[in-house]
Protein backbone atom coordinates (compact mmCIF):
# COMPACT_ATOMS: atom_id res chain seq x y z
CA MET A 1 -31.24 -38.32 11.13
CA PRO A 2 -30.47 -38.30 7.39
CA THR A 3 -30.24 -34.80 5.92
CA ILE A 4 -30.39 -33.37 2.44
CA ASP A 5 -28.92 -30.12 1.15
CA LEU A 6 -31.22 -27.16 0.74
CA ARG A 7 -31.23 -25.99 -2.85
CA VAL A 8 -32.35 -22.80 -4.55
CA ASN A 9 -32.65 -22.93 -8.35
CA TYR A 10 -31.00 -26.37 -8.14
CA GLN A 11 -27.91 -24.87 -6.47
CA LYS A 12 -26.77 -25.80 -2.99
CA ALA A 13 -27.63 -23.12 -0.40
CA ARG A 14 -24.16 -22.24 0.84
CA LEU A 15 -22.85 -19.46 3.05
CA GLN A 16 -22.84 -16.20 1.08
CA LYS A 17 -20.53 -13.17 1.23
CA SER A 18 -23.37 -10.65 1.44
CA VAL A 19 -24.81 -10.16 4.92
CA THR A 20 -27.88 -8.11 4.00
CA ASN A 21 -28.82 -9.25 0.50
CA PRO A 22 -27.56 -12.76 -0.39
CA ARG A 23 -28.76 -13.93 -3.80
CA PHE A 24 -29.18 -17.67 -3.23
CA GLY A 25 -29.42 -19.62 -6.45
CA ASP A 26 -27.48 -17.12 -8.58
CA LYS A 27 -24.26 -18.04 -10.34
CA THR A 28 -20.92 -16.81 -9.00
CA ILE A 29 -19.51 -13.76 -10.79
CA LEU A 30 -16.02 -14.59 -12.04
CA VAL A 31 -13.92 -11.43 -12.44
CA ASP A 32 -10.28 -10.43 -12.00
CA ASP A 33 -11.48 -7.39 -10.06
CA ASN A 34 -14.92 -6.15 -9.04
CA TRP A 35 -14.76 -2.50 -10.11
CA ASP A 36 -16.20 -2.77 -13.63
CA PHE A 37 -18.97 -5.19 -12.73
CA VAL A 38 -20.24 -3.12 -9.80
CA GLU A 39 -20.05 0.06 -11.90
CA LEU A 40 -22.17 -1.57 -14.62
CA TRP A 41 -24.57 -2.97 -12.01
CA LEU A 42 -25.10 0.45 -10.44
CA ARG A 43 -25.65 2.04 -13.85
CA ARG A 44 -28.07 -0.70 -14.89
CA HIS A 45 -30.12 -0.14 -11.74
CA GLY A 46 -30.19 3.64 -12.11
CA LYS A 47 -28.17 4.37 -8.97
CA GLU A 48 -26.32 7.40 -10.27
CA GLU A 49 -25.33 8.92 -6.90
CA ALA A 50 -23.94 5.59 -5.69
CA LEU A 51 -22.11 5.26 -9.02
CA PHE A 52 -20.40 8.62 -8.43
CA PHE A 53 -19.08 7.47 -5.04
CA TRP A 54 -18.01 4.10 -6.49
CA ARG A 55 -15.98 5.84 -9.19
CA GLN A 56 -14.39 8.06 -6.53
CA ALA A 57 -13.46 4.93 -4.59
CA ARG A 58 -11.87 3.43 -7.68
CA ALA A 59 -9.87 6.59 -8.38
CA PHE A 60 -8.43 6.57 -4.86
CA HIS A 61 -7.67 2.86 -5.20
CA GLU A 62 -5.73 3.47 -8.43
CA ALA A 63 -3.77 6.29 -6.79
CA ASP A 64 -3.05 3.98 -3.88
CA GLN A 65 -1.06 1.64 -6.14
CA HIS A 66 1.65 4.27 -6.74
CA LEU A 67 2.29 5.44 -3.17
CA THR A 68 4.68 4.29 -0.45
CA LYS A 69 3.38 2.63 2.68
CA LEU A 70 3.83 5.91 4.58
CA SER A 71 1.40 7.68 2.22
CA SER A 72 -0.94 4.95 0.97
CA PRO A 73 -3.08 4.83 4.16
CA LEU A 74 -4.65 8.14 3.07
CA THR A 75 -5.83 6.93 -0.33
CA SER A 76 -6.75 3.49 1.03
CA TYR A 77 -9.03 5.05 3.62
CA TYR A 78 -10.70 7.43 1.18
CA SER A 79 -11.25 4.60 -1.28
CA ALA A 80 -12.95 2.53 1.44
CA LEU A 81 -14.92 5.55 2.67
CA ASN A 82 -16.34 6.29 -0.77
CA ALA A 83 -17.13 2.62 -1.36
CA ALA A 84 -19.03 2.66 1.94
CA LYS A 85 -20.95 5.73 0.75
CA ALA A 86 -21.80 3.92 -2.49
CA LEU A 87 -23.14 1.00 -0.47
CA LEU A 88 -25.26 3.17 1.81
CA VAL A 89 -26.66 5.29 -1.03
CA SER A 90 -27.44 2.22 -3.13
CA LYS A 91 -29.49 0.81 -0.25
CA GLY A 92 -31.27 4.08 0.47
CA VAL A 93 -29.66 4.45 3.91
CA ALA A 94 -29.57 8.06 5.12
CA PHE A 95 -26.34 9.22 6.75
CA GLN A 96 -24.63 12.36 7.97
CA THR A 97 -21.66 13.27 5.80
CA HIS A 98 -18.98 13.31 8.51
CA HIS A 99 -16.89 10.21 9.08
CA GLY A 100 -18.47 9.19 12.38
CA LEU A 101 -15.33 8.22 14.29
CA THR A 102 -12.18 9.70 15.72
CA GLY A 103 -8.91 8.44 17.15
CA SER A 104 -6.09 9.16 19.55
CA SER A 105 -2.61 7.98 20.52
CA SER A 106 -1.16 7.47 23.97
CA GLU A 107 2.30 8.81 24.70
CA GLY A 108 5.32 6.55 24.79
CA LYS A 109 6.68 3.82 22.56
CA ALA A 110 4.79 3.21 19.30
CA SER A 111 2.28 0.46 19.99
CA LEU A 112 -0.89 -0.77 18.30
CA ALA A 113 -2.47 -1.04 21.74
CA LYS A 114 -2.00 2.73 22.20
CA GLU A 115 -3.78 3.63 18.95
CA VAL A 116 -7.47 4.02 19.79
CA VAL A 117 -10.56 4.39 17.59
CA ILE A 118 -13.72 5.93 19.06
CA LEU A 119 -17.12 5.43 17.43
CA LYS A 120 -19.39 8.50 17.33
CA GLY A 121 -23.18 8.68 17.35
CA GLY A 122 -23.69 9.73 13.74
CA GLY A 123 -21.92 9.74 10.41
CA ILE A 124 -20.89 7.28 7.70
CA LEU A 125 -19.45 4.54 9.91
CA PRO A 126 -22.36 4.55 12.40
CA ALA A 127 -24.80 4.35 9.46
CA LEU A 128 -22.85 1.37 8.08
CA CYS A 129 -22.92 -0.28 11.52
CA GLN A 130 -26.68 0.15 11.80
CA HIS A 131 -27.23 -1.15 8.26
CA LEU A 132 -25.34 -4.31 9.20
CA GLY A 133 -27.19 -4.68 12.53
CA GLU A 134 -24.29 -3.59 14.76
CA SER A 135 -24.39 -1.38 17.84
CA VAL A 136 -23.46 2.31 17.96
CA ASN A 137 -22.74 3.27 21.56
CA GLY A 138 -19.50 5.25 21.53
CA GLU A 139 -17.37 2.09 21.64
CA ARG A 140 -13.58 2.36 21.85
CA TYR A 141 -11.16 -0.13 20.31
CA SER A 142 -7.41 -0.22 19.93
CA LEU A 143 -5.78 -1.11 16.62
CA LYS A 144 -4.36 -4.17 18.34
CA GLN A 145 -7.87 -5.36 19.24
CA ILE A 146 -9.17 -4.66 15.75
CA PHE A 147 -6.29 -6.49 14.06
CA TYR A 148 -6.94 -9.51 16.29
CA ASN A 149 -10.50 -9.67 14.95
CA LEU A 150 -9.58 -9.62 11.25
CA ALA A 151 -9.46 -13.12 9.78
CA PHE A 152 -7.27 -12.21 6.79
CA ILE A 153 -4.32 -11.11 8.99
CA HIS A 154 -4.98 -13.36 11.98
CA ARG A 155 -2.02 -15.62 11.24
CA ALA A 156 0.27 -12.58 11.06
CA TYR A 157 -1.19 -11.34 14.35
CA CYS A 158 -0.52 -14.64 16.15
CA VAL A 159 3.04 -14.69 14.81
CA THR A 160 3.59 -11.10 15.98
CA TYR A 161 1.98 -11.57 19.39
CA ARG A 162 3.11 -15.05 20.34
CA GLY A 163 0.90 -16.81 22.84
CA SER A 164 -2.31 -15.31 21.45
CA LYS A 165 -5.20 -17.75 21.26
CA GLU A 166 -6.44 -18.48 17.76
CA LEU A 167 -9.79 -16.80 17.32
CA PHE A 168 -10.93 -18.19 13.96
CA VAL A 169 -11.83 -21.83 13.28
CA PRO A 170 -11.50 -22.77 9.58
CA ILE A 171 -14.52 -24.53 8.09
CA SER A 172 -15.35 -26.14 4.76
CA ASP A 173 -18.61 -26.95 2.99
CA PRO A 174 -20.65 -24.33 4.93
CA LYS A 175 -24.24 -25.00 3.88
CA PHE A 176 -27.86 -25.29 4.95
CA VAL A 177 -29.49 -28.72 5.27
CA ARG A 178 -32.92 -30.15 5.98
CA ILE A 179 -33.98 -33.30 7.76
CA GLU A 180 -35.34 -35.60 5.11
CA GLY A 181 -39.12 -35.72 5.42
CA SER A 182 -39.24 -32.68 7.74
CA HIS A 183 -39.45 -28.88 7.63
CA ASP A 184 -36.61 -28.50 10.17
CA CYS A 185 -33.39 -26.98 8.76
CA TRP A 186 -30.06 -25.79 10.12
CA PHE A 187 -26.62 -24.56 9.18
CA SER A 188 -23.86 -27.16 8.89
CA ALA A 189 -20.09 -27.07 8.27
CA VAL A 190 -17.04 -29.32 8.44
CA ILE A 191 -13.98 -28.69 10.61
CA ALA A 192 -11.28 -30.31 8.50
CA ASP A 193 -8.24 -29.19 10.53
CA LYS A 194 -7.59 -31.79 13.24
CA LYS A 195 -6.17 -29.09 15.51
CA PHE A 196 -9.69 -27.75 15.96
CA GLN A 197 -11.53 -31.08 16.14
CA HIS A 198 -12.15 -30.98 19.87
CA HIS A 199 -15.22 -30.57 22.06
CA ARG A 200 -13.62 -27.59 23.84
CA ILE A 201 -13.31 -25.78 20.51
CA VAL A 202 -16.92 -26.57 19.54
CA ALA A 203 -18.09 -25.40 22.99
CA GLY A 204 -16.47 -22.05 22.20
CA LEU A 205 -18.62 -21.62 19.08
CA ALA A 206 -21.83 -20.06 20.37
CA GLY A 207 -24.91 -22.08 19.46
CA PHE A 208 -23.04 -24.96 17.78
CA GLU A 209 -22.68 -28.65 18.53
CA LYS A 210 -20.98 -31.63 16.94
CA ASP A 211 -23.28 -33.46 14.54
CA LEU A 212 -23.08 -37.00 15.89
CA GLY A 213 -25.04 -38.28 12.90
CA CYS A 214 -22.16 -37.49 10.54
CA THR A 215 -19.40 -40.09 10.70
CA GLN A 216 -17.52 -39.35 7.48
CA ALA A 217 -16.24 -35.92 8.60
CA TYR A 218 -15.99 -33.80 11.75
CA THR A 219 -19.23 -31.89 11.16
CA ILE A 220 -20.71 -29.21 13.37
CA ARG A 221 -24.21 -27.79 13.19
CA ARG A 222 -26.10 -24.84 14.54
CA LYS A 223 -28.52 -25.80 17.28
CA ALA A 224 -31.14 -23.25 16.20
CA ARG A 225 -33.63 -24.45 13.61
CA PHE A 226 -35.60 -22.68 10.91
CA GLU A 227 -38.37 -23.86 8.60
CA TRP A 228 -38.20 -24.71 4.93
CA VAL A 229 -41.68 -25.90 4.01
CA TRP A 230 -41.48 -28.52 1.31
CA GLY A 231 -44.15 -27.57 -1.20
CA GLY A 232 -44.50 -24.11 0.37
CA THR A 233 -44.03 -20.80 -1.40
CA LYS A 234 -40.53 -20.07 -2.67
CA GLN A 235 -40.62 -16.48 -1.37
CA ARG A 236 -41.51 -17.52 2.19
CA ASN A 237 -38.81 -20.18 2.25
CA LEU A 238 -36.23 -17.72 0.91
CA GLU A 239 -37.16 -15.15 3.56
CA SER A 240 -36.70 -17.77 6.26
CA LEU A 241 -33.32 -18.81 4.83
CA ILE A 242 -32.08 -15.22 4.46
CA ALA A 243 -33.10 -14.37 8.04
CA GLU A 244 -31.16 -17.35 9.38
CA HIS A 245 -28.20 -16.60 7.11
CA ARG A 246 -27.97 -13.05 8.48
CA LYS A 247 -27.77 -14.41 12.04
CA ILE A 248 -24.95 -16.77 11.08
CA ARG A 249 -22.98 -14.04 9.30
CA ARG A 250 -22.61 -12.23 12.63
CA PHE A 251 -19.82 -14.66 13.54
CA THR A 252 -18.65 -16.09 10.21
CA TYR A 253 -15.95 -14.46 8.08
CA TYR A 254 -14.20 -15.11 4.80
CA ILE A 255 -10.82 -14.23 3.32
CA HIS A 256 -10.83 -12.75 -0.17
CA GLY A 257 -8.66 -14.74 -2.57
CA MET A 258 -8.47 -17.56 -5.09
CA THR A 259 -10.28 -20.03 -2.80
CA ARG A 260 -13.39 -19.87 -0.64
CA LEU A 261 -11.92 -19.65 2.85
CA TRP A 262 -14.56 -19.44 5.59
CA TYR A 263 -14.10 -19.19 9.36
CA ILE A 264 -16.25 -19.20 12.48
CA LYS A 265 -15.15 -16.82 15.22
CA ARG A 266 -14.84 -18.29 18.71
CA THR A 267 -17.15 -16.42 21.06
CA ASN A 268 -16.00 -17.46 24.52
CA ALA A 269 -12.80 -18.41 26.35
CA VAL A 270 -11.01 -15.75 24.27
CA GLN A 271 -10.43 -12.11 25.21
CA ASP A 272 -10.69 -9.00 23.01
CA ILE A 273 -13.53 -10.31 20.86
CA ILE A 274 -15.27 -7.57 18.86
CA PRO A 275 -18.69 -8.65 17.51
CA ARG A 276 -18.48 -6.69 14.26
CA SER A 277 -18.09 -7.36 10.55
CA HIS A 278 -14.90 -6.99 8.55
CA LEU A 279 -16.42 -3.96 6.84
CA THR A 280 -16.85 -1.84 9.96
CA LEU A 281 -13.61 -3.01 11.58
CA LEU A 282 -11.64 -2.25 8.42
CA LEU A 283 -13.09 1.23 8.11
CA MET A 284 -12.16 1.92 11.75
CA ALA A 285 -8.59 0.72 11.33
CA LEU A 286 -8.02 2.47 8.01
CA HIS A 287 -9.34 5.73 9.45
CA ARG A 288 -6.96 5.67 12.42
CA ILE A 289 -3.91 4.77 10.34
CA SER A 290 -4.80 7.50 7.81
CA GLU A 291 -5.00 10.00 10.70
CA ILE A 292 -1.49 9.02 11.78
CA ALA A 293 -0.22 9.29 8.18
CA ARG A 294 -1.80 12.73 7.81
CA TYR A 295 -1.01 14.35 11.16
CA GLU A 296 1.87 12.32 12.64
CA PRO A 297 3.86 10.74 9.78
CA ARG A 298 6.91 10.33 12.01
CA LEU A 299 4.81 8.20 14.36
CA LEU A 300 3.75 5.99 11.45
CA GLU A 301 7.41 5.56 10.57
CA LEU A 302 8.05 4.46 14.16
CA HIS A 303 5.28 1.88 13.84
CA PHE A 304 7.00 0.49 10.76
CA SER A 305 10.23 0.25 12.76
CA SER A 306 8.63 -1.67 15.63
CA HIS A 307 8.15 -5.39 16.27
CA HIS A 308 4.65 -5.24 14.70
CA ASN A 309 5.88 -3.82 11.37
CA TRP A 310 5.11 -7.00 9.39
CA LEU A 311 1.57 -7.18 10.81
CA LEU A 312 0.95 -3.54 9.91
CA SER A 313 2.39 -4.07 6.42
CA GLN A 314 0.19 -7.14 5.87
CA PHE A 315 -2.86 -5.16 6.90
CA LEU A 316 -2.16 -2.26 4.55
CA GLU A 317 -1.33 -4.63 1.69
CA ARG A 318 -4.58 -6.59 1.95
CA ALA A 319 -7.18 -4.46 3.74
CA LEU A 320 -8.54 -2.48 0.80
CA GLU A 321 -8.94 -5.52 -1.48
CA GLN A 322 -10.85 -7.30 1.30
CA PHE A 323 -13.04 -4.24 1.92
CA ILE A 324 -13.90 -3.74 -1.75
CA ASP A 325 -14.77 -7.41 -2.24
CA GLU A 326 -17.12 -7.37 0.76
CA CYS A 327 -18.59 -4.02 -0.27
CA SER A 328 -19.21 -5.34 -3.80
CA ALA A 329 -21.12 -8.30 -2.37
CA GLU A 330 -23.22 -6.05 -0.14
CA ILE A 331 -24.09 -3.67 -2.98
CA THR A 332 -25.08 -6.31 -5.54
CA GLY A 333 -25.83 -9.41 -3.46
CA HIS A 334 -23.61 -11.44 -5.78
CA GLU A 335 -20.74 -13.79 -5.03
CA PHE A 336 -17.46 -12.62 -6.56
CA MET A 337 -14.51 -14.92 -7.21
CA MET A 338 -11.42 -14.76 -9.38
CA PRO A 339 -11.41 -16.99 -12.48
CA GLY A 340 -9.96 -20.38 -11.68
CA TYR A 341 -11.20 -20.30 -8.07
CA ALA A 342 -11.45 -23.40 -5.94
CA THR A 343 -14.00 -24.38 -3.29
CA ARG A 344 -12.99 -25.49 0.17
């Protein structure tokens, strides 16, 4: 069945960074960092309370640049926390002012598996979870589990914990297509890495199958269909596209950087899968590490002396930039990329 790309304002309908408010058809915002643009966007839209929290987040981020790795978890967490507040306030989401999570350590040798995060029933993190369509049932996760579910440090995780199954399948050209002459549409992507071009891998991607009609590349497609009525109203078609996009973003992730790097998370045959976004997982992990830095700094030092020290360092080096980029997309709906970016 020949397919054609869906287009909005003459632009290809591709996978977007924003889960809740993707602006299909808008141009990508090219900036070296997102802080100024989001600040101007909030001011332009009269969101003064959100703007206050965004500026607080930026102040903590700037302080973070001058601290050692034993102290920076505190400012990193409070930067992310205030950015999350800015997001919630900008969307009109009510939330209780406490953090909404707690943590604990088990006795013995310093281990990421012994550092536990516990989600509470109310607060900032639970409100963020609910806004993104995630559950809030008092779940407990270890830092080791959380790190395994973060695409931007997954390579470091697999190097640290040898024998771990790779959880993320890299994809390129993630887009929405329509059968020519039909209203039926679906999500499509290419698996370019030959290591993942196998029916067992595709079987582990919930709701996907190999597109046998594509012979030029190893293309997979989502089995579920949605309607794009040719000649129908633009608003109705956009609503249908956005609803399908939100479903797909439950198991697709990107890595912030100079290129568009997208991944699909495997959903079976792999243990320790957490069905949550980067935003909520990052806030959980940053909170627990900040607790250790605040109350048990000697324990944090032990973590940096352990076999997982590089993994922990990679997380702290990259977590806040990833969080702010994703938060910026959720607040504004825009795509942010650095100037000179490339598309994969």
